[in-house]
Protein backbone atom coordinates (compact mmCIF):
# COMPACT_ATOMS: atom_id res chain seq x y z
CA MET A 1 79.49 103.52 95.27
CA LEU A 2 80.57 107.47 93.82
CA LEU A 3 83.90 108.33 94.60
CA LEU A 4 84.41 111.89 94.07
CA VAL A 5 87.94 113.27 93.84
CA ASP A 6 89.34 116.81 93.69
CA ALA A 7 92.91 117.15 92.77
CA GLY A 8 94.75 120.32 93.81
CA ASN A 9 98.26 121.93 93.44
CA THR A 10 99.31 120.66 97.30
CA ARG A 11 96.95 117.62 98.00
CA ILE A 12 94.12 115.07 96.64
CA LYS A 13 90.51 115.45 98.79
CA TRP A 14 88.43 112.72 98.04
CA ALA A 15 84.14 111.51 98.95
CA ILE A 16 82.67 108.39 98.52
CA ALA A 17 78.52 108.93 98.32
CA ALA A 18 75.94 106.62 98.40
CA PRO A 19 74.14 106.96 95.05
CA ASP A 20 70.87 108.35 96.25
CA ALA A 21 72.96 110.80 98.87
CA ALA A 22 72.75 114.71 99.43
CA PRO A 23 75.49 116.44 98.09
CA GLY A 24 77.94 116.61 100.84
CA ASP A 25 76.96 113.15 102.48
CA TRP A 26 79.53 111.33 102.42
CA THR A 27 80.47 107.58 103.87
CA ALA A 28 84.07 107.92 104.00
CA HIS A 29 86.36 110.95 103.08
CA GLY A 30 89.80 111.79 103.05
CA ALA A 31 92.97 113.73 101.62
CA VAL A 32 96.45 112.82 101.11
CA PRO A 33 99.21 115.61 99.92
CA HIS A 34 100.51 114.51 96.02
CA ALA A 35 103.79 112.29 97.50
CA GLU A 36 101.30 109.63 99.58
CA LEU A 37 99.01 109.29 96.28
CA ASP A 38 100.34 105.65 96.83
CA ARG A 39 98.14 105.81 100.01
CA LEU A 40 94.69 106.38 97.55
CA GLN A 41 94.06 102.93 96.53
CA ALA A 42 94.19 100.72 99.76
CA ALA A 43 91.79 103.48 101.10
CA TRP A 44 89.00 102.99 97.74
CA ALA A 45 89.59 99.49 97.93
CA GLY A 46 86.02 97.73 99.24
CA HIS A 47 83.54 100.53 98.56
CA GLY A 48 82.17 98.91 95.51
CA LEU A 49 83.18 101.82 93.64
CA ALA A 50 80.67 102.38 90.39
CA ARG A 51 81.45 105.60 89.08
CA ALA A 52 84.04 108.25 89.64
CA ILE A 53 84.20 112.19 89.10
CA VAL A 54 87.32 113.93 89.15
CA SER A 55 88.37 117.48 88.97
CA ASN A 56 92.37 117.67 88.12
CA VAL A 57 94.36 120.81 88.14
CA ALA A 58 97.06 119.71 88.80
CA GLY A 59 98.35 118.62 85.43
CA HIS A 60 98.59 115.60 83.08
CA ALA A 61 100.78 113.77 85.17
CA MET A 62 98.08 113.44 87.88
CA GLN A 63 95.41 112.88 85.44
CA ALA A 64 97.93 109.90 84.67
CA GLN A 65 98.43 108.35 88.09
CA LEU A 66 95.46 108.60 89.10
CA THR A 67 93.92 106.78 85.61
CA ALA A 68 96.25 104.14 86.72
CA LEU A 69 95.20 104.31 90.15
CA LEU A 70 91.80 103.67 89.58
CA ALA A 71 91.53 101.25 86.16
CA PRO A 72 91.39 98.13 88.84
CA LEU A 73 88.65 100.07 91.45
CA LEU A 74 86.28 100.76 89.12
CA PRO A 75 84.23 99.23 85.54
CA ALA A 76 84.34 102.39 83.44
CA ALA A 77 86.93 105.01 83.34
CA PRO A 78 86.22 108.29 85.25
CA HIS A 79 84.67 111.11 84.42
CA TRP A 80 86.57 114.35 83.95
CA PHE A 81 85.02 117.45 85.04
CA THR A 82 85.83 120.10 83.33
CA SER A 83 84.31 124.07 83.10
CA ARG A 84 80.93 124.58 81.16
CA ALA A 85 78.70 126.96 79.90
CA GLU A 86 75.87 126.19 81.89
CA LEU A 87 74.85 123.44 84.20
CA ASN A 88 72.97 122.75 87.37
CA GLY A 89 71.50 126.56 86.56
CA LEU A 90 75.31 128.12 87.60
CA ARG A 91 76.04 130.47 83.33
CA ASN A 92 79.46 130.17 83.31
CA ARG A 93 80.49 133.97 81.99
CA TYR A 94 84.32 133.27 81.69
CA ARG A 95 85.39 134.98 78.11
CA ASN A 96 86.06 131.23 77.82
CA PRO A 97 84.29 128.79 79.67
CA ALA A 98 86.04 126.27 78.95
CA GLN A 99 89.51 128.04 80.49
CA LEU A 100 87.98 128.05 84.34
CA GLY A 101 89.21 125.74 86.22
CA SER A 102 87.50 122.78 87.58
CA ASP A 103 87.65 123.22 90.69
CA ARG A 104 86.18 126.72 90.57
CA PHE A 105 83.68 125.61 88.48
CA ALA A 106 82.55 122.88 91.28
CA ALA A 107 83.30 124.79 94.38
CA ALA A 108 80.78 127.52 92.77
CA LEU A 109 78.89 124.98 92.35
CA GLY A 110 78.94 123.48 95.42
CA ALA A 111 78.01 126.99 97.03
CA ARG A 112 74.83 127.37 95.09
CA CYS A 113 74.11 124.16 96.33
CA VAL A 114 74.70 124.88 100.19
CA ALA A 115 72.80 128.40 99.53
CA PRO A 116 70.60 128.95 96.94
CA GLY A 117 69.37 131.96 95.38
CA LYS A 118 72.00 134.18 96.95
CA ALA A 119 74.64 136.21 96.10
CA LEU A 120 77.87 134.68 96.65
CA VAL A 121 81.30 135.18 97.16
CA VAL A 122 82.78 131.73 96.57
CA ALA A 123 87.30 131.46 98.19
CA THR A 124 89.43 129.35 98.31
CA CYS A 125 92.53 129.37 100.26
CA GLY A 126 94.80 127.20 98.69
CA THR A 127 97.81 127.25 96.98
CA ALA A 128 96.61 130.08 95.33
CA THR A 129 93.52 131.83 96.61
CA THR A 130 90.68 131.98 94.24
CA VAL A 131 87.56 134.27 94.95
CA ASP A 132 84.42 134.21 92.83
CA ALA A 133 81.72 135.84 92.07
CA VAL A 134 78.15 134.87 91.60
CA THR A 135 75.14 136.42 91.70
CA ALA A 136 71.49 135.66 93.31
CA ALA A 137 70.20 134.52 89.45
CA GLY A 138 72.99 132.17 89.31
CA ASP A 139 75.60 134.23 86.80
CA PHE A 140 79.64 132.73 87.23
CA LEU A 141 81.37 137.04 87.02
CA GLY A 142 85.01 135.79 86.84
CA GLY A 143 87.02 136.57 90.01
CA MET A 144 90.42 136.81 91.27
CA ILE A 145 93.68 134.42 91.39
CA LEU A 146 96.09 135.41 94.13
CA PRO A 147 99.00 134.06 95.66
CA GLY A 148 97.69 131.31 98.49
CA LEU A 149 98.71 132.14 102.04
CA GLY A 150 101.78 130.30 101.88
CA LEU A 151 102.86 131.37 98.52
CA MET A 152 102.86 135.30 100.25
CA LEU A 153 104.90 133.72 103.07
CA GLY A 154 107.29 131.71 101.41
CA ALA A 155 107.80 134.51 98.65
CA LEU A 156 108.59 136.78 101.40
CA ALA A 157 110.87 134.80 102.73
CA ARG A 158 112.79 134.18 99.48
CA GLY A 159 112.62 137.64 97.90
CA THR A 160 114.52 139.42 100.76
CA ALA A 161 117.58 139.30 102.59
CA GLN A 162 116.66 139.72 106.45
CA LEU A 163 112.88 138.54 106.21
CA PRO A 164 112.34 134.70 107.83
CA GLN A 165 110.12 131.98 106.78
CA VAL A 166 106.44 132.17 108.84
CA ALA A 167 104.48 129.77 109.18
CA PRO A 168 100.98 130.39 111.03
CA GLY A 169 100.59 128.73 114.40
CA ALA A 170 98.89 125.44 114.83
CA ASP A 171 96.41 127.51 116.64
CA ALA A 172 94.56 129.22 113.59
CA TYR A 173 92.55 131.77 114.64
CA ALA A 174 94.90 132.88 117.03
CA ALA A 175 95.95 135.98 114.44
CA PRO A 176 98.61 138.25 115.29
CA PRO A 177 97.73 142.56 116.05
CA THR A 178 97.09 144.06 112.76
CA PHE A 179 99.95 146.34 114.20
CA ALA A 180 102.22 143.89 114.85
CA ASP A 181 105.29 144.63 117.72
CA HIS A 182 108.29 141.69 115.73
CA THR A 183 108.91 140.83 112.41
CA SER A 184 106.99 137.41 112.51
CA ASP A 185 104.03 138.95 113.45
CA ALA A 186 104.39 141.44 110.85
CA ILE A 187 105.07 139.36 108.30
CA LEU A 188 101.81 136.80 109.04
CA SER A 189 99.48 139.98 110.25
CA GLY A 190 100.16 141.31 106.52
CA CYS A 191 99.52 138.71 104.48
CA LEU A 192 96.34 137.57 106.57
CA ALA A 193 95.12 141.51 105.93
CA ALA A 194 95.77 140.71 101.72
CA GLN A 195 93.87 137.45 101.70
CA ALA A 196 91.31 138.79 103.62
CA GLY A 197 90.75 142.02 101.25
CA ALA A 198 90.52 140.84 98.06
CA ILE A 199 87.83 138.20 100.63
CA GLU A 200 86.06 141.76 101.05
CA ARG A 201 87.19 143.51 98.24
CA ALA A 202 84.92 140.95 96.43
CA CYS A 203 81.91 141.14 98.66
CA ALA A 204 81.69 144.80 98.63
CA ALA A 205 82.13 145.10 94.74
CA LEU A 206 79.27 141.89 94.08
CA PRO A 207 77.46 142.88 96.50
CA ALA A 208 77.46 139.34 98.39
CA ASP A 209 75.16 138.17 100.65
CA LEU A 210 77.11 135.76 101.71
CA CYS A 211 81.03 134.37 101.11
CA ILE A 212 82.05 130.83 101.25
CA VAL A 213 85.08 130.79 102.50
CA SER A 214 87.66 127.14 101.50
CA GLY A 215 90.74 125.67 101.63
CA GLY A 216 93.47 124.52 103.46
CA ALA A 217 94.13 128.59 105.12
CA ALA A 218 90.11 129.23 105.84
CA ALA A 219 90.93 128.17 109.35
CA SER A 220 93.10 131.27 108.83
CA VAL A 221 91.60 133.46 106.79
CA ALA A 222 87.51 133.48 107.60
CA PRO A 223 88.26 135.07 111.55
CA LEU A 224 89.60 138.12 109.78
CA LEU A 225 86.86 138.90 107.33
CA SER A 226 83.78 141.49 108.63
CA VAL A 227 81.36 140.15 105.78
CA PRO A 228 79.24 137.76 106.02
CA HIS A 229 80.63 134.45 105.94
CA TRP A 230 80.76 130.27 106.10
CA MET A 231 83.73 128.41 106.57
CA LEU A 232 82.38 124.82 104.54
CA ASP A 233 85.75 122.40 104.02
CA ASN A 234 85.88 120.11 100.56
CA ILE A 235 83.47 122.80 98.81
CA VAL A 236 84.97 121.78 95.02
CA LEU A 237 83.73 117.86 96.21
CA VAL A 238 80.15 118.73 97.15
CA GLY A 239 80.02 120.96 93.87
CA LEU A 240 81.51 117.40 92.05
CA HIS A 241 78.42 115.76 93.95
CA ALA A 242 75.54 117.91 93.22
CA ALA A 243 76.83 117.93 89.30
CA ALA A 244 76.78 114.60 89.38
CA PRO A 245 73.53 113.62 88.30
CA LEU A 246 74.08 115.87 85.18
CA LEU A 247 76.63 113.52 84.17
CA SER A 248 77.32 110.75 82.48
CA SER A 249 78.38 107.83 84.08
CA ASP A 250 80.06 106.37 81.77
CA SER A 251 81.72 109.19 80.37
CA ALA A 252 85.88 109.44 80.69
CA SER A 253 85.82 113.33 79.56
CA ALA A 254 83.35 116.37 80.20
């Protein structure tokens, strides 16, 4: 079985797939916050793992922790996925292709997999929000990085004397009015508008046929978009899965 891991700044997302499964066709998947990393070994044990592909943007300490967790479960070291100049028809036009975050490159691969031949904006709304452009011909042009919704809300609370800490409500789809009539809703409205505005600006600039929206805050941001869009969970894992046949099964690094 194939293990796919997306180690982000807040959570570790994962999926397990049969060797011949199509991207996104998983037998098991889940996510844990960094503080619950130790739960993963039990979740992965018993699946007969033969191979793992990991995208890690959470730093060297996280890589060391994942290496230790995976060692007793795998016959060989995991493949640490990194961005490259070209893979699976996606050409990386970043000035230094290796500098592009592995999660952004994987997300673009995943978006191309689910919407081939379309000009795409890929928006991943996590701890940071990344908004990237991919042409219909398969050129990754680059993108934007901005504070995610939670960081925006937290920054206002920490950096001002009188504004409160605000979090989205339990119903992520119930966005406040654009012109809110009390402070908490005004803060949430402004931060959501900033997220959606960046995405819509990118869609207009490309121009995009479609926007793929993923990440933990996607359910809060996507309803505000006035451009054609799909919400798709775990787009990074879909991209890793699509890349798997092209990656050496016994390579410890890309």
